[in-house]
Amino acid sequence: MKAENLPEPVKKRPTALLILIYLEKKKKGRTITEIAQEIGTTEAAVSKAVELLNRHNLAEKAHGRGKKGRRTTVVKLKH
């Protein structure tokens, strides 16, 4: 995925770019909490950036069950 091909709103959001790089490197889906801890930002910032990526068809969200039966959001890249 080249930076020139990304939509303009995604290019302007550094957190969205970090998430794309992180998910590209990991090759698997990750929860919002895991992504926030790995890239060193808040869960709220990651959640907003994931919504932006989802809007532009770059990432997809799925809901799953985490520890203690709590609902978690898993983020994966769309290919």
PDB file of N, CA and C in Angstrom:
ATOM      1  N   MET A   1       0.846  -1.173   0.000  1.00  0.00           N
ATOM      2  CA  MET A   1       0.000   0.000   0.000  1.00  0.00           C
ATOM      3  C   MET A   1       0.896   1.242   0.000  1.00  0.00           C
ATOM      4  N   LYS A   2       0.735   2.078  -1.017  1.00  0.00           N
ATOM      5  CA  LYS A   2       1.556   3.274  -1.141  1.00  0.00           C
ATOM      6  C   LYS A   2       0.824   4.480  -0.570  1.00  0.00           C
ATOM      7  N   ALA A   3       1.596   5.401  -0.028  1.00  0.00           N
ATOM      8  CA  ALA A   3       1.019   6.594   0.588  1.00  0.00           C
ATOM      9  C   ALA A   3       0.317   7.477  -0.446  1.00  0.00           C
ATOM     10  N   GLU A   4       0.789   7.451  -1.690  1.00  0.00           N
ATOM     11  CA  GLU A   4       0.174   8.288  -2.726  1.00  0.00           C
ATOM     12  C   GLU A   4      -1.259   7.849  -3.017  1.00  0.00           C
ATOM     13  N   ASN A   5      -1.557   6.569  -2.799  1.00  0.00           N
ATOM     14  CA  ASN A   5      -2.879   6.032  -3.117  1.00  0.00           C
ATOM     15  C   ASN A   5      -3.900   6.227  -2.000  1.00  0.00           C
ATOM     16  N   LEU A   6      -3.469   6.692  -0.849  1.00  0.00           N
ATOM     17  CA  LEU A   6      -4.383   6.850   0.282  1.00  0.00           C
ATOM     18  C   LEU A   6      -5.257   8.091   0.108  1.00  0.00           C
ATOM     19  N   PRO A   7      -6.483   8.068   0.619  1.00  0.00           N
ATOM     20  CA  PRO A   7      -7.341   9.257   0.574  1.00  0.00           C
ATOM     21  C   PRO A   7      -6.746  10.399   1.407  1.00  0.00           C
ATOM     22  N   GLU A   8      -7.060  11.607   1.026  1.00  0.00           N
ATOM     23  CA  GLU A   8      -6.492  12.795   1.680  1.00  0.00           C
ATOM     24  C   GLU A   8      -6.778  12.863   3.185  1.00  0.00           C
ATOM     25  N   PRO A   9      -8.012  12.569   3.654  1.00  0.00           N
ATOM     26  CA  PRO A   9      -8.245  12.627   5.105  1.00  0.00           C
ATOM     27  C   PRO A   9      -7.378  11.642   5.895  1.00  0.00           C
ATOM     28  N   VAL A  10      -7.057  10.502   5.290  1.00  0.00           N
ATOM     29  CA  VAL A  10      -6.218   9.510   5.972  1.00  0.00           C
ATOM     30  C   VAL A  10      -4.778  10.008   6.043  1.00  0.00           C
ATOM     31  N   LYS A  11      -4.312  10.660   4.987  1.00  0.00           N
ATOM     32  CA  LYS A  11      -2.940  11.183   4.968  1.00  0.00           C
ATOM     33  C   LYS A  11      -2.732  12.244   6.048  1.00  0.00           C
ATOM     34  N   LYS A  12      -3.791  12.985   6.367  1.00  0.00           N
ATOM     35  CA  LYS A  12      -3.679  14.077   7.335  1.00  0.00           C
ATOM     36  C   LYS A  12      -3.776  13.614   8.784  1.00  0.00           C
ATOM     37  N   ARG A  13      -4.122  12.348   9.020  1.00  0.00           N
ATOM     38  CA  ARG A  13      -4.297  11.835  10.377  1.00  0.00           C
ATOM     39  C   ARG A  13      -3.141  10.901  10.716  1.00  0.00           C
ATOM     40  N   PRO A  14      -2.150  11.354  11.512  1.00  0.00           N
ATOM     41  CA  PRO A  14      -0.979  10.525  11.825  1.00  0.00           C
ATOM     42  C   PRO A  14      -1.331   9.211  12.528  1.00  0.00           C
ATOM     43  N   THR A  15      -2.353   9.226  13.374  1.00  0.00           N
ATOM     44  CA  THR A  15      -2.736   7.996  14.073  1.00  0.00           C
ATOM     45  C   THR A  15      -3.239   6.952  13.084  1.00  0.00           C
ATOM     46  N   ALA A  16      -3.980   7.378  12.083  1.00  0.00           N
ATOM     47  CA  ALA A  16      -4.480   6.441  11.073  1.00  0.00           C
ATOM     48  C   ALA A  16      -3.325   5.821  10.296  1.00  0.00           C
ATOM     49  N   LEU A  17      -2.324   6.620   9.980  1.00  0.00           N
ATOM     50  CA  LEU A  17      -1.157   6.094   9.273  1.00  0.00           C
ATOM     51  C   LEU A  17      -0.393   5.100  10.137  1.00  0.00           C
ATOM     52  N   LEU A  18      -0.247   5.409  11.418  1.00  0.00           N
ATOM     53  CA  LEU A  18       0.427   4.477  12.330  1.00  0.00           C
ATOM     54  C   LEU A  18      -0.329   3.156  12.429  1.00  0.00           C
ATOM     55  N   ILE A  19      -1.643   3.226  12.477  1.00  0.00           N
ATOM     56  CA  ILE A  19      -2.456   2.007  12.557  1.00  0.00           C
ATOM     57  C   ILE A  19      -2.289   1.178  11.290  1.00  0.00           C
ATOM     58  N   LEU A  20      -2.293   1.829  10.135  1.00  0.00           N
ATOM     59  CA  LEU A  20      -2.101   1.102   8.880  1.00  0.00           C
ATOM     60  C   LEU A  20      -0.749   0.396   8.848  1.00  0.00           C
ATOM     61  N   ILE A  21       0.290   1.089   9.263  1.00  0.00           N
ATOM     62  CA  ILE A  21       1.631   0.495   9.287  1.00  0.00           C
ATOM     63  C   ILE A  21       1.675  -0.664  10.269  1.00  0.00           C
ATOM     64  N   TYR A  22       1.095  -0.481  11.443  1.00  0.00           N
ATOM     65  CA  TYR A  22       1.107  -1.524  12.471  1.00  0.00           C
ATOM     66  C   TYR A  22       0.360  -2.772  11.998  1.00  0.00           C
ATOM     67  N   LEU A  23      -0.825  -2.595  11.434  1.00  0.00           N
ATOM     68  CA  LEU A  23      -1.611  -3.744  10.980  1.00  0.00           C
ATOM     69  C   LEU A  23      -0.965  -4.426   9.773  1.00  0.00           C
ATOM     70  N   GLU A  24      -0.317  -3.646   8.925  1.00  0.00           N
ATOM     71  CA  GLU A  24       0.381  -4.227   7.777  1.00  0.00           C
ATOM     72  C   GLU A  24       1.529  -5.121   8.246  1.00  0.00           C
ATOM     73  N   LYS A  25       2.191  -4.683   9.301  1.00  0.00           N
ATOM     74  CA  LYS A  25       3.320  -5.444   9.837  1.00  0.00           C
ATOM     75  C   LYS A  25       2.858  -6.711  10.551  1.00  0.00           C
ATOM     76  N   LYS A  26       1.748  -6.649  11.284  1.00  0.00           N
ATOM     77  CA  LYS A  26       1.281  -7.778  12.094  1.00  0.00           C
ATOM     78  C   LYS A  26       0.526  -8.826  11.286  1.00  0.00           C
ATOM     79  N   LYS A  27      -0.089  -8.434  10.180  1.00  0.00           N
ATOM     80  CA  LYS A  27      -0.803  -9.361   9.290  1.00  0.00           C
ATOM     81  C   LYS A  27      -2.017 -10.042   9.920  1.00  0.00           C
ATOM     82  N   LYS A  28      -2.428  -9.645  11.105  1.00  0.00           N
ATOM     83  CA  LYS A  28      -3.591 -10.229  11.773  1.00  0.00           C
ATOM     84  C   LYS A  28      -4.432  -9.112  12.365  1.00  0.00           C
ATOM     85  N   GLY A  29      -5.633  -9.462  12.763  1.00  0.00           N
ATOM     86  CA  GLY A  29      -6.488  -8.497  13.431  1.00  0.00           C
ATOM     87  C   GLY A  29      -6.023  -8.256  14.858  1.00  0.00           C
ATOM     88  N   ARG A  30      -6.190  -7.054  15.332  1.00  0.00           N
ATOM     89  CA  ARG A  30      -5.824  -6.679  16.694  1.00  0.00           C
ATOM     90  C   ARG A  30      -6.961  -5.879  17.308  1.00  0.00           C
ATOM     91  N   THR A  31      -7.045  -5.914  18.637  1.00  0.00           N
ATOM     92  CA  THR A  31      -8.070  -5.123  19.311  1.00  0.00           C
ATOM     93  C   THR A  31      -7.612  -3.672  19.390  1.00  0.00           C
ATOM     94  N   ILE A  32      -8.572  -2.792  19.624  1.00  0.00           N
ATOM     95  CA  ILE A  32      -8.258  -1.368  19.740  1.00  0.00           C
ATOM     96  C   ILE A  32      -7.305  -1.133  20.909  1.00  0.00           C
ATOM     97  N   THR A  33      -7.495  -1.856  22.004  1.00  0.00           N
ATOM     98  CA  THR A  33      -6.622  -1.712  23.174  1.00  0.00           C
ATOM     99  C   THR A  33      -5.192  -2.113  22.844  1.00  0.00           C
ATOM    100  N   GLU A  34      -5.017  -3.227  22.153  1.00  0.00           N
ATOM    101  CA  GLU A  34      -3.669  -3.680  21.780  1.00  0.00           C
ATOM    102  C   GLU A  34      -2.979  -2.679  20.863  1.00  0.00           C
ATOM    103  N   ILE A  35      -3.722  -2.160  19.900  1.00  0.00           N
ATOM    104  CA  ILE A  35      -3.144  -1.182  18.976  1.00  0.00           C
ATOM    105  C   ILE A  35      -2.727   0.073  19.728  1.00  0.00           C
ATOM    106  N   ALA A  36      -3.585   0.553  20.626  1.00  0.00           N
ATOM    107  CA  ALA A  36      -3.285   1.763  21.396  1.00  0.00           C
ATOM    108  C   ALA A  36      -2.029   1.581  22.242  1.00  0.00           C
ATOM    109  N   GLN A  37      -1.885   0.434  22.870  1.00  0.00           N
ATOM    110  CA  GLN A  37      -0.704   0.178  23.690  1.00  0.00           C
ATOM    111  C   GLN A  37       0.555   0.094  22.840  1.00  0.00           C
ATOM    112  N   GLU A  38       0.465  -0.542  21.687  1.00  0.00           N
ATOM    113  CA  GLU A  38       1.640  -0.728  20.832  1.00  0.00           C
ATOM    114  C   GLU A  38       2.119   0.576  20.200  1.00  0.00           C
ATOM    115  N   ILE A  39       1.197   1.415  19.730  1.00  0.00           N
ATOM    116  CA  ILE A  39       1.634   2.644  19.067  1.00  0.00           C
ATOM    117  C   ILE A  39       1.750   3.816  20.035  1.00  0.00           C
ATOM    118  N   GLY A  40       1.354   3.608  21.283  1.00  0.00           N
ATOM    119  CA  GLY A  40       1.560   4.625  22.313  1.00  0.00           C
ATOM    120  C   GLY A  40       0.598   5.793  22.252  1.00  0.00           C
ATOM    121  N   THR A  41      -0.668   5.527  22.035  1.00  0.00           N
ATOM    122  CA  THR A  41      -1.673   6.583  22.017  1.00  0.00           C
ATOM    123  C   THR A  41      -2.916   6.099  22.761  1.00  0.00           C
ATOM    124  N   THR A  42      -3.919   6.954  22.851  1.00  0.00           N
ATOM    125  CA  THR A  42      -5.113   6.594  23.613  1.00  0.00           C
ATOM    126  C   THR A  42      -6.060   5.732  22.780  1.00  0.00           C
ATOM    127  N   GLU A  43      -6.920   5.014  23.481  1.00  0.00           N
ATOM    128  CA  GLU A  43      -7.910   4.175  22.802  1.00  0.00           C
ATOM    129  C   GLU A  43      -8.907   5.030  22.024  1.00  0.00           C
ATOM    130  N   ALA A  44      -9.221   6.212  22.535  1.00  0.00           N
ATOM    131  CA  ALA A  44     -10.165   7.100  21.847  1.00  0.00           C
ATOM    132  C   ALA A  44      -9.602   7.546  20.495  1.00  0.00           C
ATOM    133  N   ALA A  45      -8.318   7.881  20.463  1.00  0.00           N
ATOM    134  CA  ALA A  45      -7.689   8.298  19.206  1.00  0.00           C
ATOM    135  C   ALA A  45      -7.660   7.144  18.208  1.00  0.00           C
ATOM    136  N   VAL A  46      -7.376   5.949  18.698  1.00  0.00           N
ATOM    137  CA  VAL A  46      -7.355   4.769  17.826  1.00  0.00           C
ATOM    138  C   VAL A  46      -8.757   4.490  17.296  1.00  0.00           C
ATOM    139  N   SER A  47      -9.755   4.598  18.146  1.00  0.00           N
ATOM    140  CA  SER A  47     -11.131   4.342  17.737  1.00  0.00           C
ATOM    141  C   SER A  47     -11.574   5.311  16.645  1.00  0.00           C
ATOM    142  N   LYS A  48     -11.252   6.593  16.791  1.00  0.00           N
ATOM    143  CA  LYS A  48     -11.608   7.589  15.781  1.00  0.00           C
ATOM    144  C   LYS A  48     -10.881   7.324  14.467  1.00  0.00           C
ATOM    145  N   ALA A  49      -9.608   6.966  14.561  1.00  0.00           N
ATOM    146  CA  ALA A  49      -8.833   6.688  13.353  1.00  0.00           C
ATOM    147  C   ALA A  49      -9.351   5.436  12.645  1.00  0.00           C
ATOM    148  N   VAL A  50      -9.761   4.441  13.411  1.00  0.00           N
ATOM    149  CA  VAL A  50     -10.311   3.215  12.820  1.00  0.00           C
ATOM    150  C   VAL A  50     -11.625   3.523  12.107  1.00  0.00           C
ATOM    151  N   GLU A  51     -12.440   4.396  12.671  1.00  0.00           N
ATOM    152  CA  GLU A  51     -13.678   4.805  12.002  1.00  0.00           C
ATOM    153  C   GLU A  51     -13.367   5.466  10.660  1.00  0.00           C
ATOM    154  N   LEU A  52     -12.341   6.303  10.634  1.00  0.00           N
ATOM    155  CA  LEU A  52     -11.928   6.958   9.394  1.00  0.00           C
ATOM    156  C   LEU A  52     -11.458   5.925   8.368  1.00  0.00           C
ATOM    157  N   LEU A  53     -10.648   4.981   8.806  1.00  0.00           N
ATOM    158  CA  LEU A  53     -10.158   3.931   7.908  1.00  0.00           C
ATOM    159  C   LEU A  53     -11.309   3.065   7.403  1.00  0.00           C
ATOM    160  N   ASN A  54     -12.263   2.803   8.271  1.00  0.00           N
ATOM    161  CA  ASN A  54     -13.430   2.002   7.893  1.00  0.00           C
ATOM    162  C   ASN A  54     -14.275   2.748   6.854  1.00  0.00           C
ATOM    163  N   ARG A  55     -14.421   4.044   7.033  1.00  0.00           N
ATOM    164  CA  ARG A  55     -15.197   4.869   6.105  1.00  0.00           C
ATOM    165  C   ARG A  55     -14.597   4.859   4.697  1.00  0.00           C
ATOM    166  N   HIS A  56     -13.264   4.764   4.625  1.00  0.00           N
ATOM    167  CA  HIS A  56     -12.567   4.782   3.338  1.00  0.00           C
ATOM    168  C   HIS A  56     -12.201   3.380   2.849  1.00  0.00           C
ATOM    169  N   ASN A  57     -12.824   2.357   3.427  1.00  0.00           N
ATOM    170  CA  ASN A  57     -12.639   0.956   3.018  1.00  0.00           C
ATOM    171  C   ASN A  57     -11.194   0.473   3.106  1.00  0.00           C
ATOM    172  N   LEU A  58     -10.457   0.914   4.104  1.00  0.00           N
ATOM    173  CA  LEU A  58      -9.086   0.452   4.299  1.00  0.00           C
ATOM    174  C   LEU A  58      -8.984  -0.562   5.430  1.00  0.00           C
ATOM    175  N   ALA A  59      -9.926  -0.527   6.349  1.00  0.00           N
ATOM    176  CA  ALA A  59      -9.917  -1.461   7.481  1.00  0.00           C
ATOM    177  C   ALA A  59     -11.347  -1.901   7.758  1.00  0.00           C
ATOM    178  N   GLU A  60     -11.461  -3.030   8.428  1.00  0.00           N
ATOM    179  CA  GLU A  60     -12.787  -3.507   8.819  1.00  0.00           C
ATOM    180  C   GLU A  60     -12.796  -3.809  10.304  1.00  0.00           C
ATOM    181  N   LYS A  61     -13.966  -3.611  10.899  1.00  0.00           N
ATOM    182  CA  LYS A  61     -14.134  -3.860  12.327  1.00  0.00           C
ATOM    183  C   LYS A  61     -15.019  -5.073  12.521  1.00  0.00           C
ATOM    184  N   ALA A  62     -14.685  -5.844  13.540  1.00  0.00           N
ATOM    185  CA  ALA A  62     -15.522  -6.980  13.927  1.00  0.00           C
ATOM    186  C   ALA A  62     -15.604  -6.971  15.444  1.00  0.00           C
ATOM    187  N   HIS A  63     -16.727  -7.394  15.966  1.00  0.00           N
ATOM    188  CA  HIS A  63     -16.890  -7.440  17.412  1.00  0.00           C
ATOM    189  C   HIS A  63     -16.721  -8.869  17.886  1.00  0.00           C
ATOM    190  N   GLY A  64     -15.978  -9.010  18.962  1.00  0.00           N
ATOM    191  CA  GLY A  64     -15.740 -10.332  19.528  1.00  0.00           C
ATOM    192  C   GLY A  64     -15.856 -10.284  21.033  1.00  0.00           C
ATOM    193  N   ARG A  65     -15.543 -11.379  21.656  1.00  0.00           N
ATOM    194  CA  ARG A  65     -15.579 -11.465  23.114  1.00  0.00           C
ATOM    195  C   ARG A  65     -14.156 -11.549  23.637  1.00  0.00           C
ATOM    196  N   GLY A  66     -13.862 -10.707  24.598  1.00  0.00           N
ATOM    197  CA  GLY A  66     -12.543 -10.709  25.204  1.00  0.00           C
ATOM    198  C   GLY A  66     -12.557 -11.429  26.531  1.00  0.00           C
ATOM    199  N   LYS A  67     -11.616 -11.065  27.366  1.00  0.00           N
ATOM    200  CA  LYS A  67     -11.536 -11.656  28.695  1.00  0.00           C
ATOM    201  C   LYS A  67     -12.771 -11.283  29.503  1.00  0.00           C
ATOM    202  N   LYS A  68     -13.209 -12.190  30.318  1.00  0.00           N
ATOM    203  CA  LYS A  68     -14.365 -11.993  31.194  1.00  0.00           C
ATOM    204  C   LYS A  68     -15.656 -11.721  30.418  1.00  0.00           C
ATOM    205  N   GLY A  69     -15.715 -12.140  29.165  1.00  0.00           N
ATOM    206  CA  GLY A  69     -16.939 -12.013  28.390  1.00  0.00           C
ATOM    207  C   GLY A  69     -17.259 -10.617  27.906  1.00  0.00           C
ATOM    208  N   ARG A  70     -16.337  -9.693  28.021  1.00  0.00           N
ATOM    209  CA  ARG A  70     -16.594  -8.324  27.571  1.00  0.00           C
ATOM    210  C   ARG A  70     -16.474  -8.229  26.056  1.00  0.00           C
ATOM    211  N   ARG A  71     -17.231  -7.307  25.489  1.00  0.00           N
ATOM    212  CA  ARG A  71     -17.199  -7.111  24.044  1.00  0.00           C
ATOM    213  C   ARG A  71     -15.939  -6.342  23.658  1.00  0.00           C
ATOM    214  N   THR A  72     -15.244  -6.799  22.643  1.00  0.00           N
ATOM    215  CA  THR A  72     -14.059  -6.111  22.151  1.00  0.00           C
ATOM    216  C   THR A  72     -14.226  -5.845  20.661  1.00  0.00           C
ATOM    217  N   THR A  73     -13.523  -4.846  20.177  1.00  0.00           N
ATOM    218  CA  THR A  73     -13.549  -4.521  18.757  1.00  0.00           C
ATOM    219  C   THR A  73     -12.225  -4.939  18.145  1.00  0.00           C
ATOM    220  N   VAL A  74     -12.288  -5.804  17.152  1.00  0.00           N
ATOM    221  CA  VAL A  74     -11.100  -6.288  16.456  1.00  0.00           C
ATOM    222  C   VAL A  74     -11.008  -5.562  15.120  1.00  0.00           C
ATOM    223  N   VAL A  75      -9.807  -5.078  14.790  1.00  0.00           N
ATOM    224  CA  VAL A  75      -9.584  -4.321  13.566  1.00  0.00           C
ATOM    225  C   VAL A  75      -8.663  -5.123  12.656  1.00  0.00           C
ATOM    226  N   LYS A  76      -9.060  -5.241  11.376  1.00  0.00           N
ATOM    227  CA  LYS A  76      -8.248  -5.934  10.378  1.00  0.00           C
ATOM    228  C   LYS A  76      -8.154  -5.066   9.134  1.00  0.00           C
ATOM    229  N   LEU A  77      -7.074  -5.241   8.384  1.00  0.00           N
ATOM    230  CA  LEU A  77      -6.941  -4.552   7.105  1.00  0.00           C
ATOM    231  C   LEU A  77      -7.809  -5.231   6.059  1.00  0.00           C
ATOM    232  N   LYS A  78      -8.355  -4.426   5.157  1.00  0.00           N
ATOM    233  CA  LYS A  78      -9.052  -4.988   3.997  1.00  0.00           C
ATOM    234  C   LYS A  78      -8.026  -5.113   2.886  1.00  0.00           C
ATOM    235  N   HIS A  79      -8.100  -6.191   2.141  1.00  0.00           N
ATOM    236  CA  HIS A  79      -7.139  -6.380   1.044  1.00  0.00           C
ATOM    237  C   HIS A  79      -7.833  -6.340  -0.271  1.00  0.00           C
TER     238      HIS A  79
END
